[in-house]
């Protein structure tokens, strides 16, 4: 019983991480590239702080996201390959759903990469 509860908590946490991935990726990318305040703003001396903050955010996100995802993937790998592919499809679907809630792919690419 305890193992099932642990599995489902990790599964829910992994789904939450997959849903918020575009937001976290955008923030980390903008900080690491030095565009944390937008593409038309010159950070000047704050650029080093922004890059350092981006790397700290990346490490924190990896520490939060990887353990539960690895746990879920290892558990499902033992069962059957089709469950593993379903999980990957679910993660992809949750990521796309978050991008749709943020205004669509074009708005996401415009806000993060300044393309379009």
N, C-alpha and C. Protein backbone atom coordinates (compact mmCIF):
# COMPACT_ATOMS: atom_id res chain seq x y z
N UNK A 1 0.82 -1.19 0.00
CA UNK A 1 0.00 0.00 0.00
C UNK A 1 0.87 1.26 0.00
N UNK A 2 1.91 1.23 0.81
CA UNK A 2 2.80 2.38 0.90
C UNK A 2 3.51 2.62 -0.43
N UNK A 3 3.87 1.55 -1.13
CA UNK A 3 4.54 1.68 -2.42
C UNK A 3 3.61 2.28 -3.47
N UNK A 4 2.33 1.92 -3.43
CA UNK A 4 1.37 2.49 -4.38
C UNK A 4 1.15 3.99 -4.13
N UNK A 5 1.07 4.36 -2.87
CA UNK A 5 0.91 5.78 -2.53
C UNK A 5 2.13 6.56 -2.99
N UNK A 6 3.30 6.01 -2.74
CA UNK A 6 4.54 6.67 -3.18
C UNK A 6 4.59 6.79 -4.70
N UNK A 7 4.17 5.74 -5.39
CA UNK A 7 4.15 5.77 -6.85
C UNK A 7 3.20 6.85 -7.36
N UNK A 8 1.98 6.92 -6.83
CA UNK A 8 1.00 7.89 -7.31
C UNK A 8 1.39 9.33 -6.96
N UNK A 9 2.00 9.53 -5.81
CA UNK A 9 2.49 10.87 -5.48
C UNK A 9 3.59 11.31 -6.44
N UNK A 10 4.50 10.39 -6.75
CA UNK A 10 5.54 10.70 -7.73
C UNK A 10 4.94 10.93 -9.12
N UNK A 11 3.93 10.15 -9.47
CA UNK A 11 3.28 10.33 -10.76
C UNK A 11 2.61 11.70 -10.86
N UNK A 12 1.88 12.09 -9.83
CA UNK A 12 1.23 13.41 -9.83
C UNK A 12 2.25 14.54 -9.88
N UNK A 13 3.33 14.38 -9.13
CA UNK A 13 4.38 15.40 -9.14
C UNK A 13 5.03 15.49 -10.53
N UNK A 14 5.27 14.37 -11.15
CA UNK A 14 5.85 14.36 -12.50
C UNK A 14 4.90 15.00 -13.51
N UNK A 15 3.62 14.77 -13.37
CA UNK A 15 2.65 15.41 -14.26
C UNK A 15 2.65 16.92 -14.05
N UNK A 16 2.74 17.36 -12.81
CA UNK A 16 2.82 18.80 -12.54
C UNK A 16 4.08 19.41 -13.14
N UNK A 17 5.19 18.71 -13.01
CA UNK A 17 6.45 19.18 -13.59
C UNK A 17 6.35 19.24 -15.11
N UNK A 18 5.73 18.23 -15.72
CA UNK A 18 5.57 18.22 -17.18
C UNK A 18 4.67 19.37 -17.63
N UNK A 19 3.63 19.68 -16.85
CA UNK A 19 2.73 20.77 -17.21
C UNK A 19 3.43 22.13 -17.11
N UNK A 20 4.25 22.31 -16.11
CA UNK A 20 4.91 23.61 -15.91
C UNK A 20 6.26 23.71 -16.62
N UNK A 21 6.65 22.69 -17.36
CA UNK A 21 7.94 22.71 -18.04
C UNK A 21 8.13 23.91 -18.97
N UNK A 22 7.15 24.28 -19.81
CA UNK A 22 7.39 25.43 -20.70
C UNK A 22 7.65 26.73 -19.93
N UNK A 23 6.97 26.91 -18.83
CA UNK A 23 7.18 28.13 -18.02
C UNK A 23 8.58 28.13 -17.44
N UNK A 24 8.96 27.02 -16.83
CA UNK A 24 10.30 26.92 -16.22
C UNK A 24 11.38 27.04 -17.28
N UNK A 25 11.20 26.38 -18.41
CA UNK A 25 12.19 26.45 -19.48
C UNK A 25 12.35 27.89 -19.97
N UNK A 26 11.24 28.59 -20.15
CA UNK A 26 11.29 29.96 -20.60
C UNK A 26 12.04 30.86 -19.63
N UNK A 27 11.74 30.73 -18.35
CA UNK A 27 12.41 31.56 -17.35
C UNK A 27 13.90 31.25 -17.25
N UNK A 28 14.23 29.98 -17.25
CA UNK A 28 15.64 29.59 -17.17
C UNK A 28 16.39 30.04 -18.42
N UNK A 29 15.80 29.85 -19.58
CA UNK A 29 16.44 30.26 -20.84
C UNK A 29 16.68 31.76 -20.87
N UNK A 30 15.67 32.53 -20.50
CA UNK A 30 15.82 33.98 -20.53
C UNK A 30 16.88 34.46 -19.55
N UNK A 31 16.97 33.84 -18.39
CA UNK A 31 18.00 34.23 -17.43
C UNK A 31 19.39 33.85 -17.91
N UNK A 32 19.55 32.64 -18.43
CA UNK A 32 20.88 32.20 -18.86
C UNK A 32 21.38 33.02 -20.04
N UNK A 33 20.49 33.40 -20.95
CA UNK A 33 20.91 34.19 -22.10
C UNK A 33 21.03 35.67 -21.81
N UNK A 34 20.61 36.10 -20.63
CA UNK A 34 20.74 37.50 -20.26
C UNK A 34 19.60 38.37 -20.74
N UNK A 35 18.47 37.77 -21.06
CA UNK A 35 17.31 38.54 -21.52
C UNK A 35 16.17 38.46 -20.51
N UNK A 36 16.50 38.46 -19.22
CA UNK A 36 15.50 38.25 -18.19
C UNK A 36 14.47 39.38 -18.16
N UNK A 37 14.84 40.58 -18.54
CA UNK A 37 13.90 41.71 -18.52
C UNK A 37 13.36 42.03 -19.90
N UNK A 38 13.62 41.18 -20.86
CA UNK A 38 13.13 41.39 -22.21
C UNK A 38 14.27 41.61 -23.18
N UNK A 39 13.96 41.53 -24.45
CA UNK A 39 14.99 41.63 -25.48
C UNK A 39 15.37 43.06 -25.79
N UNK A 40 14.55 44.04 -25.44
CA UNK A 40 14.85 45.43 -25.73
C UNK A 40 15.50 46.14 -24.55
N UNK A 41 15.88 45.41 -23.54
CA UNK A 41 16.42 46.00 -22.33
C UNK A 41 17.87 45.56 -22.17
N UNK A 42 18.76 46.50 -21.92
CA UNK A 42 20.17 46.18 -21.72
C UNK A 42 20.44 45.99 -20.23
N UNK A 43 20.76 44.77 -19.84
CA UNK A 43 21.00 44.50 -18.43
C UNK A 43 22.30 45.12 -17.92
N UNK A 44 23.26 45.29 -18.78
CA UNK A 44 24.53 45.88 -18.37
C UNK A 44 25.24 45.03 -17.34
N UNK A 45 25.49 45.61 -16.18
CA UNK A 45 26.20 44.90 -15.11
C UNK A 45 25.38 43.81 -14.46
N UNK A 46 24.08 43.83 -14.66
CA UNK A 46 23.22 42.82 -14.06
C UNK A 46 23.23 41.51 -14.84
N UNK A 47 23.88 41.49 -15.99
CA UNK A 47 23.87 40.30 -16.84
C UNK A 47 24.53 39.11 -16.15
N UNK A 48 25.64 39.34 -15.43
CA UNK A 48 26.30 38.24 -14.72
C UNK A 48 25.39 37.64 -13.66
N UNK A 49 24.68 38.51 -12.96
CA UNK A 49 23.76 38.04 -11.93
C UNK A 49 22.62 37.24 -12.56
N UNK A 50 22.13 37.70 -13.71
CA UNK A 50 21.06 37.01 -14.41
C UNK A 50 21.50 35.62 -14.86
N UNK A 51 22.70 35.51 -15.41
CA UNK A 51 23.21 34.22 -15.85
C UNK A 51 23.40 33.27 -14.67
N UNK A 52 23.96 33.78 -13.58
CA UNK A 52 24.14 32.96 -12.38
C UNK A 52 22.80 32.49 -11.83
N UNK A 53 21.83 33.40 -11.82
CA UNK A 53 20.50 33.03 -11.36
C UNK A 53 19.88 31.97 -12.26
N UNK A 54 20.11 32.06 -13.56
CA UNK A 54 19.61 31.05 -14.49
C UNK A 54 20.20 29.68 -14.22
N UNK A 55 21.50 29.62 -13.94
CA UNK A 55 22.11 28.32 -13.63
C UNK A 55 21.61 27.77 -12.30
N UNK A 56 21.39 28.63 -11.33
CA UNK A 56 20.84 28.17 -10.05
C UNK A 56 19.42 27.65 -10.25
N UNK A 57 18.63 28.37 -11.06
CA UNK A 57 17.27 27.90 -11.36
C UNK A 57 17.30 26.55 -12.07
N UNK A 58 18.24 26.38 -12.99
CA UNK A 58 18.36 25.11 -13.71
C UNK A 58 18.69 23.96 -12.76
N UNK A 59 19.61 24.18 -11.86
CA UNK A 59 19.98 23.14 -10.90
C UNK A 59 18.81 22.80 -9.98
N UNK A 60 18.10 23.82 -9.52
CA UNK A 60 16.94 23.58 -8.65
C UNK A 60 15.86 22.82 -9.42
N UNK A 61 15.60 23.22 -10.67
CA UNK A 61 14.57 22.54 -11.45
C UNK A 61 14.94 21.08 -11.69
N UNK A 62 16.21 20.83 -12.02
CA UNK A 62 16.64 19.45 -12.23
C UNK A 62 16.53 18.63 -10.94
N UNK A 63 16.86 19.24 -9.81
CA UNK A 63 16.75 18.53 -8.53
C UNK A 63 15.29 18.23 -8.17
N UNK A 64 14.39 19.07 -8.62
CA UNK A 64 12.97 18.86 -8.34
C UNK A 64 12.36 17.88 -9.34
N UNK A 65 12.75 17.97 -10.60
CA UNK A 65 12.07 17.20 -11.65
C UNK A 65 12.62 15.80 -11.86
N UNK A 66 13.92 15.64 -11.81
CA UNK A 66 14.51 14.35 -12.19
C UNK A 66 14.21 13.18 -11.26
N UNK A 67 14.30 13.31 -9.93
CA UNK A 67 14.10 12.11 -9.10
C UNK A 67 12.74 11.44 -9.29
N UNK A 68 11.68 12.21 -9.30
CA UNK A 68 10.36 11.59 -9.46
C UNK A 68 10.17 11.02 -10.86
N UNK A 69 10.68 11.71 -11.87
CA UNK A 69 10.55 11.20 -13.24
C UNK A 69 11.35 9.91 -13.43
N UNK A 70 12.54 9.87 -12.89
CA UNK A 70 13.35 8.65 -12.98
C UNK A 70 12.67 7.49 -12.26
N UNK A 71 12.09 7.77 -11.10
CA UNK A 71 11.38 6.74 -10.34
C UNK A 71 10.22 6.18 -11.14
N UNK A 72 9.43 7.06 -11.75
CA UNK A 72 8.28 6.62 -12.53
C UNK A 72 8.73 5.83 -13.76
N UNK A 73 9.75 6.33 -14.47
CA UNK A 73 10.22 5.62 -15.67
C UNK A 73 10.78 4.25 -15.32
N UNK A 74 11.50 4.13 -14.23
CA UNK A 74 12.04 2.83 -13.85
C UNK A 74 10.94 1.86 -13.46
N UNK A 75 9.91 2.34 -12.77
CA UNK A 75 8.80 1.47 -12.39
C UNK A 75 8.03 0.98 -13.62
N UNK A 76 7.82 1.88 -14.57
CA UNK A 76 7.05 1.49 -15.76
C UNK A 76 7.87 0.67 -16.74
N UNK A 77 9.17 0.85 -16.73
CA UNK A 77 10.02 0.06 -17.63
C UNK A 77 9.94 -1.42 -17.29
N UNK A 78 9.77 -1.72 -16.01
CA UNK A 78 9.68 -3.11 -15.59
C UNK A 78 8.37 -3.76 -16.01
N UNK A 79 7.30 -2.96 -16.13
CA UNK A 79 5.98 -3.52 -16.46
C UNK A 79 5.86 -3.84 -17.95
N UNK A 80 5.81 -2.81 -18.76
CA UNK A 80 5.61 -3.02 -20.20
C UNK A 80 6.02 -1.75 -20.93
N UNK A 81 6.48 -1.93 -22.15
CA UNK A 81 6.95 -0.78 -22.95
C UNK A 81 5.81 0.16 -23.33
N UNK A 82 4.60 -0.39 -23.50
CA UNK A 82 3.49 0.47 -23.93
C UNK A 82 3.14 1.49 -22.84
N UNK A 83 3.29 1.14 -21.57
CA UNK A 83 3.04 2.09 -20.49
C UNK A 83 4.06 3.23 -20.51
N UNK A 84 5.27 2.88 -20.85
CA UNK A 84 6.33 3.89 -20.93
C UNK A 84 6.03 4.88 -22.06
N UNK A 85 5.60 4.38 -23.20
CA UNK A 85 5.25 5.27 -24.31
C UNK A 85 4.01 6.11 -23.99
N UNK A 86 3.06 5.53 -23.27
CA UNK A 86 1.89 6.29 -22.85
C UNK A 86 2.27 7.42 -21.89
N UNK A 87 3.22 7.15 -21.00
CA UNK A 87 3.68 8.17 -20.07
C UNK A 87 4.38 9.30 -20.81
N UNK A 88 5.21 8.96 -21.77
CA UNK A 88 5.90 9.99 -22.56
C UNK A 88 4.88 10.82 -23.34
N UNK A 89 3.87 10.17 -23.88
CA UNK A 89 2.82 10.89 -24.60
C UNK A 89 2.03 11.81 -23.65
N UNK A 90 1.78 11.33 -22.44
CA UNK A 90 1.08 12.16 -21.45
C UNK A 90 1.91 13.38 -21.08
N UNK A 91 3.20 13.20 -20.87
CA UNK A 91 4.08 14.34 -20.56
C UNK A 91 4.08 15.35 -21.71
N UNK A 92 4.16 14.85 -22.93
CA UNK A 92 4.13 15.74 -24.09
C UNK A 92 2.80 16.48 -24.18
N UNK A 93 1.70 15.77 -23.94
CA UNK A 93 0.38 16.38 -23.97
C UNK A 93 0.24 17.47 -22.90
N UNK A 94 0.73 17.22 -21.71
CA UNK A 94 0.65 18.22 -20.64
C UNK A 94 1.49 19.45 -20.98
N UNK A 95 2.64 19.24 -21.59
CA UNK A 95 3.49 20.36 -22.00
C UNK A 95 2.79 21.20 -23.07
N UNK A 96 2.19 20.55 -24.05
CA UNK A 96 1.47 21.25 -25.11
C UNK A 96 0.25 21.98 -24.54
N UNK A 97 -0.41 21.36 -23.59
CA UNK A 97 -1.57 21.99 -22.95
C UNK A 97 -1.18 23.28 -22.23
N UNK A 98 -0.04 23.27 -21.57
CA UNK A 98 0.44 24.48 -20.90
C UNK A 98 0.75 25.57 -21.91
N UNK A 99 1.38 25.21 -23.01
CA UNK A 99 1.68 26.20 -24.07
C UNK A 99 0.38 26.76 -24.63
N UNK A 100 -0.64 25.93 -24.81
CA UNK A 100 -1.93 26.41 -25.30
C UNK A 100 -2.57 27.39 -24.31
N UNK A 101 -2.48 27.10 -23.02
CA UNK A 101 -3.01 28.01 -22.01
C UNK A 101 -2.27 29.34 -21.98
N UNK A 102 -1.01 29.32 -22.38
CA UNK A 102 -0.21 30.55 -22.37
C UNK A 102 -0.45 31.41 -23.61
N UNK A 103 -1.31 31.00 -24.50
CA UNK A 103 -1.62 31.79 -25.67
C UNK A 103 -1.27 31.14 -26.98
N UNK A 104 -0.80 29.93 -26.96
CA UNK A 104 -0.46 29.23 -28.18
C UNK A 104 1.04 29.19 -28.42
N UNK A 105 1.41 28.38 -29.40
CA UNK A 105 2.82 28.18 -29.70
C UNK A 105 3.47 29.45 -30.22
N UNK A 106 2.76 30.20 -31.05
CA UNK A 106 3.33 31.44 -31.61
C UNK A 106 3.61 32.46 -30.52
N UNK A 107 2.70 32.59 -29.58
CA UNK A 107 2.91 33.55 -28.48
C UNK A 107 4.05 33.09 -27.57
N UNK A 108 4.15 31.79 -27.36
CA UNK A 108 5.24 31.27 -26.53
C UNK A 108 6.61 31.51 -27.19
N UNK A 109 6.70 31.21 -28.47
CA UNK A 109 7.96 31.42 -29.18
C UNK A 109 8.31 32.90 -29.23
N UNK A 110 7.32 33.75 -29.39
CA UNK A 110 7.55 35.20 -29.42
C UNK A 110 8.05 35.70 -28.07
N UNK A 111 7.47 35.22 -26.98
CA UNK A 111 7.86 35.72 -25.67
C UNK A 111 9.19 35.16 -25.19
N UNK A 112 9.50 33.93 -25.53
CA UNK A 112 10.74 33.33 -25.04
C UNK A 112 11.91 33.57 -25.98
N UNK A 113 11.71 33.33 -27.27
CA UNK A 113 12.82 33.40 -28.21
C UNK A 113 12.83 34.67 -29.06
N UNK A 114 11.80 35.52 -28.93
CA UNK A 114 11.68 36.76 -29.69
C UNK A 114 11.68 36.50 -31.19
N UNK A 115 10.96 35.46 -31.59
CA UNK A 115 10.83 35.11 -33.01
C UNK A 115 9.38 35.36 -33.42
N UNK A 116 9.20 36.05 -34.51
CA UNK A 116 7.85 36.20 -35.03
C UNK A 116 7.28 37.52 -34.88
